[in-house]
Amino acid sequence: MLRKKSPTTYPVQFKFDVLKYKLRTGESFESVAIKFGIHEPPMIANWMRLWKKEGIEGFSKLKGRPSMSNKQKKKTSAKKLTKEQQLEK
């Protein structure tokens, strides 16, 4: 049975180094991917698009759904307090 690999997360500096190499040499995404051991060449094209759009800060953004936090619980308790205050008035 084949086991699914978990998605590889690359550090920001690694992504930036790959893009600098790609721009300096002008090699194809496939050859750059082979050189750096990246199994999905289109990923480099996505990094390039993100870098042109948002700069290096775009690499450090978290992906996926944000985790549940206490902020939502505080909001509901704050609403409850405002209702109680309204009743007191």
Protein backbone atom coordinates (compact mmCIF):
# COMPACT_ATOMS: atom_id res chain seq x y z
CA MET A 1 0.00 0.00 0.00
CA LEU A 2 1.31 3.45 -0.92
CA ARG A 3 1.54 5.93 1.88
CA LYS A 4 0.60 9.56 1.29
CA LYS A 5 3.35 12.02 2.03
CA SER A 6 2.52 14.96 4.22
CA PRO A 7 2.90 18.30 2.47
CA THR A 8 6.42 19.67 2.68
CA THR A 9 6.76 23.11 4.21
CA TYR A 10 9.71 25.10 2.94
CA PRO A 11 11.33 27.91 4.94
CA VAL A 12 10.99 31.48 3.70
CA GLN A 13 14.74 31.80 3.05
CA PHE A 14 14.73 28.59 0.96
CA LYS A 15 11.89 29.90 -1.22
CA PHE A 16 13.69 33.20 -1.69
CA ASP A 17 16.95 31.41 -2.61
CA VAL A 18 15.12 29.26 -5.19
CA LEU A 19 13.56 32.35 -6.78
CA LYS A 20 16.88 34.23 -6.85
CA TYR A 21 18.50 31.24 -8.58
CA LYS A 22 15.62 31.01 -11.08
CA LEU A 23 15.84 34.73 -11.92
CA ARG A 24 19.64 34.74 -12.11
CA THR A 25 19.97 31.68 -14.36
CA GLY A 26 16.71 31.85 -16.33
CA GLU A 27 16.38 28.06 -16.12
CA SER A 28 12.98 26.38 -16.41
CA PHE A 29 10.86 25.67 -13.35
CA GLU A 30 11.44 21.94 -13.90
CA SER A 31 15.22 22.19 -13.89
CA VAL A 32 15.23 24.50 -10.86
CA ALA A 33 12.95 22.05 -9.04
CA ILE A 34 15.33 19.16 -9.79
CA LYS A 35 18.34 21.17 -8.62
CA PHE A 36 16.70 22.05 -5.28
CA GLY A 37 14.93 18.70 -4.76
CA ILE A 38 11.41 20.06 -5.09
CA HIS A 39 8.95 17.42 -6.30
CA GLU A 40 6.36 19.86 -7.66
CA PRO A 41 7.77 22.39 -10.18
CA PRO A 42 4.49 24.38 -10.38
CA MET A 43 5.05 25.25 -6.73
CA ILE A 44 7.98 27.45 -7.76
CA ALA A 45 5.73 29.28 -10.23
CA ASN A 46 3.26 29.88 -7.38
CA TRP A 47 6.07 31.23 -5.19
CA MET A 48 7.11 33.55 -8.03
CA ARG A 49 3.56 34.85 -8.47
CA LEU A 50 3.18 35.37 -4.71
CA TRP A 51 6.55 37.12 -4.46
CA LYS A 52 5.70 39.51 -7.31
CA LYS A 53 2.32 40.28 -5.75
CA GLU A 54 3.16 40.57 -2.02
CA GLY A 55 6.94 40.50 -1.75
CA ILE A 56 8.84 38.29 0.66
CA GLU A 57 6.21 38.89 3.37
CA GLY A 58 3.79 36.75 1.36
CA PHE A 59 5.92 33.67 2.04
CA SER A 60 5.42 33.84 5.79
CA LYS A 61 1.63 33.93 5.73
CA LEU A 62 -0.04 30.91 7.28
CA LYS A 63 -2.24 28.76 5.11
CA GLY A 64 -5.45 27.08 6.04
CA ARG A 65 -8.19 27.79 8.48
CA PRO A 66 -7.25 29.78 11.57
CA SER A 67 -7.45 27.91 14.83
CA MET A 68 -10.30 28.46 17.24
CA SER A 69 -9.33 30.96 19.88
CA ASN A 70 -10.73 32.46 23.04
CA LYS A 71 -11.54 35.65 21.16
CA GLN A 72 -14.88 34.25 20.01
CA LYS A 73 -15.78 33.20 23.55
CA LYS A 74 -14.95 36.68 24.82
CA LYS A 75 -17.20 38.21 22.19
CA THR A 76 -20.18 36.14 23.32
CA SER A 77 -19.59 37.00 26.98
CA ALA A 78 -19.24 40.67 26.02
CA LYS A 79 -22.60 40.50 24.26
CA LYS A 80 -24.09 38.88 27.33
CA LEU A 81 -22.79 41.67 29.52
CA THR A 82 -24.23 44.32 27.26
CA LYS A 83 -27.64 42.62 27.35
CA GLU A 84 -27.49 42.48 31.15
CA GLN A 85 -26.55 46.13 31.25
CA GLN A 86 -29.49 46.95 29.01
CA LEU A 87 -31.83 45.03 31.31
CA GLU A 88 -30.45 46.90 34.33
CA LYS A 89 -31.14 50.21 32.62
